């Protein structure tokens, strides 16, 4: 497993939480907590992303594996997009335009 520099993690999580709140929720609902009402990305490594989800009024940390390992910063984006697309497909929800 590869861990990433704190600057990389902060950049990815800030972007996801500012620009992709709906995608965060869909990922968590599809692969971890179907009844989550909100989710924010809090971390990642080469094998998975981490989110805090609100489930029945309680915050719960969930880890969702990437479809393939993310070996560098560019691969993180690829894996987030793939995971997001998989989530929308699994839930049968049309993905909004970004």
Protein backbone atom coordinates (compact mmCIF):
# COMPACT_ATOMS: atom_id res chain seq x y z
CA UNK A 1 0.00 0.00 0.00
CA UNK A 2 1.20 3.48 -0.86
CA UNK A 3 0.43 6.42 1.36
CA UNK A 4 0.38 9.88 -0.12
CA UNK A 5 1.83 13.14 1.09
CA UNK A 6 -0.49 15.15 3.36
CA UNK A 7 -0.60 17.91 0.72
CA UNK A 8 -1.93 15.47 -1.89
CA UNK A 9 -4.55 14.09 0.49
CA UNK A 10 -5.64 17.58 1.55
CA UNK A 11 -5.93 18.67 -2.09
CA UNK A 12 -7.99 15.67 -3.16
CA UNK A 13 -10.30 15.73 -0.16
CA UNK A 14 -10.81 19.50 -0.37
CA UNK A 15 -11.73 19.22 -4.06
CA UNK A 16 -14.11 16.31 -3.46
CA UNK A 17 -15.80 18.06 -0.53
CA UNK A 18 -16.11 21.41 -2.30
CA UNK A 19 -17.06 20.28 -5.80
CA UNK A 20 -18.37 16.72 -5.56
CA UNK A 21 -20.57 16.42 -2.46
CA UNK A 22 -23.21 14.48 -4.38
CA UNK A 23 -20.60 12.09 -5.75
CA UNK A 24 -19.27 11.48 -2.23
CA UNK A 25 -22.74 10.51 -1.09
CA UNK A 26 -23.37 8.21 -4.06
CA UNK A 27 -20.05 6.39 -3.49
CA UNK A 28 -20.85 5.85 0.18
CA UNK A 29 -24.43 4.76 -0.52
CA UNK A 30 -23.40 2.35 -3.27
CA UNK A 31 -20.50 0.65 -1.50
CA UNK A 32 -20.83 1.13 2.26
CA UNK A 33 -23.89 2.74 3.83
CA UNK A 34 -27.07 2.73 1.70
CA UNK A 35 -28.98 4.94 4.15
CA UNK A 36 -26.32 7.66 4.50
CA UNK A 37 -27.72 11.18 4.27
CA UNK A 38 -24.38 12.93 3.76
CA UNK A 39 -20.73 12.04 3.25
CA UNK A 40 -17.43 13.85 3.15
CA UNK A 41 -14.08 12.49 2.01
CA UNK A 42 -11.50 12.51 4.81
CA UNK A 43 -8.59 10.44 3.52
CA UNK A 44 -7.15 8.07 0.98
CA UNK A 45 -4.28 5.78 0.16
CA UNK A 46 -3.39 3.70 -2.86
CA UNK A 47 -6.05 1.05 -2.17
CA UNK A 48 -9.08 2.99 -0.93
CA UNK A 49 -10.76 6.26 -0.12
CA UNK A 50 -12.17 7.13 3.30
CA UNK A 51 -15.37 9.01 3.97
CA UNK A 52 -17.29 10.05 7.06
CA UNK A 53 -20.96 9.34 6.49
CA UNK A 54 -23.98 10.46 8.45
CA UNK A 55 -26.07 7.35 9.11
CA UNK A 56 -29.17 7.81 11.25
CA UNK A 57 -27.66 10.88 12.89
CA UNK A 58 -24.35 9.19 13.69
CA UNK A 59 -21.05 9.82 11.93
CA UNK A 60 -19.48 6.64 10.65
CA UNK A 61 -16.05 6.21 9.03
CA UNK A 62 -16.17 4.04 5.92
CA UNK A 63 -13.42 2.84 3.61
CA UNK A 64 -14.25 2.08 -0.03
CA UNK A 65 -11.64 0.30 -2.19
CA UNK A 66 -10.62 1.77 -5.53
CA UNK A 67 -11.39 -0.35 -8.60
CA UNK A 68 -7.59 -0.56 -9.14
CA UNK A 69 -4.66 0.65 -7.02
CA UNK A 70 -3.79 4.35 -7.29
CA UNK A 71 -0.03 4.48 -7.67
CA UNK A 72 0.36 8.26 -8.06
CA UNK A 73 -1.64 11.49 -7.90
CA UNK A 74 -2.89 11.20 -11.49
CA UNK A 75 -4.12 7.68 -10.77
CA UNK A 76 -6.10 8.93 -7.77
CA UNK A 77 -8.27 11.03 -10.08
CA UNK A 78 -8.74 8.08 -12.43
CA UNK A 79 -9.81 5.82 -9.57
CA UNK A 80 -12.16 8.39 -8.02
CA UNK A 81 -13.88 8.89 -11.37
CA UNK A 82 -14.13 5.12 -11.96
CA UNK A 83 -15.51 4.54 -8.46
CA UNK A 84 -18.01 7.36 -8.90
CA UNK A 85 -19.24 6.01 -12.23
CA UNK A 86 -19.53 2.52 -10.72
CA UNK A 87 -21.56 3.98 -7.83
CA UNK A 88 -24.06 5.77 -10.07
CA UNK A 89 -24.40 2.65 -12.24
CA UNK A 90 -24.90 0.39 -9.22
CA UNK A 91 -27.57 2.69 -7.81
CA UNK A 92 -29.24 3.16 -11.19
CA UNK A 93 -28.94 6.93 -10.94
CA UNK A 94 -28.01 9.21 -13.83
CA UNK A 95 -24.76 11.00 -13.10
CA UNK A 96 -25.08 14.78 -13.21
CA UNK A 97 -22.90 16.74 -15.65
CA UNK A 98 -19.75 18.21 -14.08
